[in-house]
Amino acid sequence: GMKDVLGAVVNIAAIFVAFLSTIWSILIAMESKRVIQLLQDAGYDKLLFDYLTSAIRWLLLLSIISAIGLLIDFSKPQDWHRYAFSFWLFDLATSLISCWRIMRIFTMVLRFK
């Protein structure tokens, strides 16, 4: 049911947060590498970090909202449930799009290398 979906989303979102945070740390450590220098020269380094930060924030929010959803009894429908579910779907979609944007950029960077 819904509790299983929310539990899975909490786990997956937390894994993605850890993964993206690791990428962020690696990029900071690689500051003197050629690929990072090319990103800096093109002016995309700050944009990339902004995208990473945005994805991490949306995923953290998704994880928190999903964890809160685990505490809610959905067997007794209430009016506010549809609004909460709509916001959760919005956050889910935004998180997925943010992650896709990061993966697309890194794919381009790796191809360029």
C-alpha atoms as a PDB file:
ATOM      1  CA  GLY A   1       0.000   0.000   0.000  1.00  0.00           C
ATOM      2  CA  MET A   2       0.870   3.630   0.393  1.00  0.00           C
ATOM      3  CA  LYS A   3       3.026   2.990   3.461  1.00  0.00           C
ATOM      4  CA  ASP A   4       5.259   0.682   1.420  1.00  0.00           C
ATOM      5  CA  VAL A   5       5.622   3.304  -1.309  1.00  0.00           C
ATOM      6  CA  LEU A   6       6.462   6.024   1.210  1.00  0.00           C
ATOM      7  CA  GLY A   7       9.002   3.790   2.952  1.00  0.00           C
ATOM      8  CA  ALA A   8      10.680   2.993  -0.352  1.00  0.00           C
ATOM      9  CA  VAL A   9      10.758   6.690  -1.295  1.00  0.00           C
ATOM     10  CA  VAL A  10      12.376   7.582   2.038  1.00  0.00           C
ATOM     11  CA  ASN A  11      15.125   5.027   1.399  1.00  0.00           C
ATOM     12  CA  ILE A  12      15.704   5.919  -2.246  1.00  0.00           C
ATOM     13  CA  ALA A  13      15.682   9.679  -1.607  1.00  0.00           C
ATOM     14  CA  ALA A  14      18.166   9.270   1.257  1.00  0.00           C
ATOM     15  CA  ILE A  15      20.453   7.172  -0.962  1.00  0.00           C
ATOM     16  CA  PHE A  16      20.329   9.817  -3.697  1.00  0.00           C
ATOM     17  CA  VAL A  17      21.104  12.563  -1.157  1.00  0.00           C
ATOM     18  CA  ALA A  18      24.171  10.627  -0.033  1.00  0.00           C
ATOM     19  CA  PHE A  19      25.212   9.966  -3.637  1.00  0.00           C
ATOM     20  CA  LEU A  20      24.838  13.602  -4.707  1.00  0.00           C
ATOM     21  CA  SER A  21      26.615  14.818  -1.571  1.00  0.00           C
ATOM     22  CA  THR A  22      29.502  12.493  -2.418  1.00  0.00           C
ATOM     23  CA  ILE A  23      29.620  13.880  -5.950  1.00  0.00           C
ATOM     24  CA  TRP A  24      29.685  17.382  -4.503  1.00  0.00           C
ATOM     25  CA  SER A  25      32.622  16.462  -2.237  1.00  0.00           C
ATOM     26  CA  ILE A  26      34.512  14.834  -5.095  1.00  0.00           C
ATOM     27  CA  LEU A  27      34.037  17.900  -7.282  1.00  0.00           C
ATOM     28  CA  ILE A  28      35.410  20.140  -4.556  1.00  0.00           C
ATOM     29  CA  ALA A  29      38.415  17.821  -4.140  1.00  0.00           C
ATOM     30  CA  MET A  30      39.005  17.805  -7.924  1.00  0.00           C
ATOM     31  CA  GLU A  31      39.273  21.588  -8.159  1.00  0.00           C
ATOM     32  CA  SER A  32      42.626  21.475  -9.922  1.00  0.00           C
ATOM     33  CA  LYS A  33      41.675  18.764 -12.454  1.00  0.00           C
ATOM     34  CA  ARG A  34      41.252  19.503 -16.142  1.00  0.00           C
ATOM     35  CA  VAL A  35      37.503  18.857 -16.308  1.00  0.00           C
ATOM     36  CA  ILE A  36      36.812  21.164 -13.378  1.00  0.00           C
ATOM     37  CA  GLN A  37      39.065  23.828 -14.890  1.00  0.00           C
ATOM     38  CA  LEU A  38      37.093  23.594 -18.134  1.00  0.00           C
ATOM     39  CA  LEU A  39      33.820  23.963 -16.215  1.00  0.00           C
ATOM     40  CA  GLN A  40      35.227  26.981 -14.387  1.00  0.00           C
ATOM     41  CA  ASP A  41      36.512  28.548 -17.604  1.00  0.00           C
ATOM     42  CA  ALA A  42      33.104  28.106 -19.205  1.00  0.00           C
ATOM     43  CA  GLY A  43      31.417  29.544 -16.094  1.00  0.00           C
ATOM     44  CA  TYR A  44      29.412  26.393 -15.407  1.00  0.00           C
ATOM     45  CA  ASP A  45      31.005  25.388 -12.112  1.00  0.00           C
ATOM     46  CA  LYS A  46      28.700  27.554  -9.974  1.00  0.00           C
ATOM     47  CA  LEU A  47      25.683  26.462 -12.003  1.00  0.00           C
ATOM     48  CA  LEU A  48      26.604  22.827 -11.457  1.00  0.00           C
ATOM     49  CA  PHE A  49      26.934  23.329  -7.692  1.00  0.00           C
ATOM     50  CA  ASP A  50      23.610  25.193  -7.659  1.00  0.00           C
ATOM     51  CA  TYR A  51      21.969  22.272  -9.461  1.00  0.00           C
ATOM     52  CA  LEU A  52      23.521  19.806  -7.017  1.00  0.00           C
ATOM     53  CA  THR A  53      22.368  21.867  -4.034  1.00  0.00           C
ATOM     54  CA  SER A  54      18.865  22.166  -5.468  1.00  0.00           C
ATOM     55  CA  ALA A  55      18.578  18.410  -6.080  1.00  0.00           C
ATOM     56  CA  ILE A  56      19.846  17.620  -2.584  1.00  0.00           C
ATOM     57  CA  ARG A  57      17.327  20.008  -1.013  1.00  0.00           C
ATOM     58  CA  TRP A  58      14.364  18.638  -2.984  1.00  0.00           C
ATOM     59  CA  LEU A  59      15.383  15.065  -2.127  1.00  0.00           C
ATOM     60  CA  LEU A  60      15.773  15.891   1.560  1.00  0.00           C
ATOM     61  CA  LEU A  61      12.336  17.480   1.570  1.00  0.00           C
ATOM     62  CA  LEU A  62      10.903  14.450  -0.229  1.00  0.00           C
ATOM     63  CA  SER A  63      12.463  12.127   2.329  1.00  0.00           C
ATOM     64  CA  ILE A  64      11.108  14.176   5.237  1.00  0.00           C
ATOM     65  CA  ILE A  65       7.611  14.457   3.759  1.00  0.00           C
ATOM     66  CA  SER A  66       7.560  10.739   3.010  1.00  0.00           C
ATOM     67  CA  ALA A  67       8.694   9.914   6.546  1.00  0.00           C
ATOM     68  CA  ILE A  68       5.928  12.114   7.942  1.00  0.00           C
ATOM     69  CA  GLY A  69       3.497  10.341   5.608  1.00  0.00           C
ATOM     70  CA  LEU A  70       4.423   7.063   7.260  1.00  0.00           C
ATOM     71  CA  LEU A  71       2.916   8.403  10.484  1.00  0.00           C
ATOM     72  CA  ILE A  72      -0.418   9.389   8.922  1.00  0.00           C
ATOM     73  CA  ASP A  73      -3.429   7.084   8.861  1.00  0.00           C
ATOM     74  CA  PHE A  74      -4.658   7.124   5.258  1.00  0.00           C
ATOM     75  CA  SER A  75      -7.345   4.507   5.891  1.00  0.00           C
ATOM     76  CA  LYS A  76      -9.689   7.295   7.032  1.00  0.00           C
ATOM     77  CA  PRO A  77      -9.700   9.829   4.150  1.00  0.00           C
ATOM     78  CA  GLN A  78      -9.705  13.477   5.093  1.00  0.00           C
ATOM     79  CA  ASP A  79      -9.935  16.583   2.926  1.00  0.00           C
ATOM     80  CA  TRP A  80      -6.345  17.663   3.492  1.00  0.00           C
ATOM     81  CA  HIS A  81      -4.968  14.300   2.308  1.00  0.00           C
ATOM     82  CA  ARG A  82      -5.440  15.242  -1.353  1.00  0.00           C
ATOM     83  CA  TYR A  83      -3.478  18.476  -0.863  1.00  0.00           C
ATOM     84  CA  ALA A  84      -0.697  16.714   0.993  1.00  0.00           C
ATOM     85  CA  PHE A  85      -0.554  14.017  -1.678  1.00  0.00           C
ATOM     86  CA  SER A  86      -0.473  16.669  -4.419  1.00  0.00           C
ATOM     87  CA  PHE A  87       2.445  18.427  -2.745  1.00  0.00           C
ATOM     88  CA  TRP A  88       4.204  15.080  -2.292  1.00  0.00           C
ATOM     89  CA  LEU A  89       3.748  14.314  -6.009  1.00  0.00           C
ATOM     90  CA  PHE A  90       5.076  17.770  -6.901  1.00  0.00           C
ATOM     91  CA  ASP A  91       8.137  17.208  -4.717  1.00  0.00           C
ATOM     92  CA  LEU A  92       8.640  13.735  -6.192  1.00  0.00           C
ATOM     93  CA  ALA A  93       8.486  15.079  -9.750  1.00  0.00           C
ATOM     94  CA  THR A  94      10.774  18.013  -8.950  1.00  0.00           C
ATOM     95  CA  SER A  95      13.273  15.704  -7.266  1.00  0.00           C
ATOM     96  CA  LEU A  96      13.317  13.364 -10.262  1.00  0.00           C
ATOM     97  CA  ILE A  97      13.758  16.242 -12.707  1.00  0.00           C
ATOM     98  CA  SER A  98      16.564  17.714 -10.561  1.00  0.00           C
ATOM     99  CA  CYS A  99      18.386  14.375 -10.495  1.00  0.00           C
ATOM    100  CA  TRP A 100      17.897  13.926 -14.241  1.00  0.00           C
ATOM    101  CA  ARG A 101      19.386  17.388 -14.829  1.00  0.00           C
ATOM    102  CA  ILE A 102      22.481  16.501 -12.777  1.00  0.00           C
ATOM    103  CA  MET A 103      22.923  13.144 -14.545  1.00  0.00           C
ATOM    104  CA  ARG A 104      22.577  14.825 -17.947  1.00  0.00           C
ATOM    105  CA  ILE A 105      25.271  17.370 -17.090  1.00  0.00           C
ATOM    106  CA  PHE A 106      27.655  14.725 -15.758  1.00  0.00           C
ATOM    107  CA  THR A 107      27.079  12.602 -18.836  1.00  0.00           C
ATOM    108  CA  MET A 108      28.084  15.558 -21.001  1.00  0.00           C
ATOM    109  CA  VAL A 109      31.143  16.206 -18.818  1.00  0.00           C
ATOM    110  CA  LEU A 110      32.239  12.563 -18.999  1.00  0.00           C
ATOM    111  CA  ARG A 111      31.762  12.464 -22.776  1.00  0.00           C
ATOM    112  CA  PHE A 112      33.773  15.658 -23.140  1.00  0.00           C
ATOM    113  CA  LYS A 113      36.620  14.245 -21.084  1.00  0.00           C
END
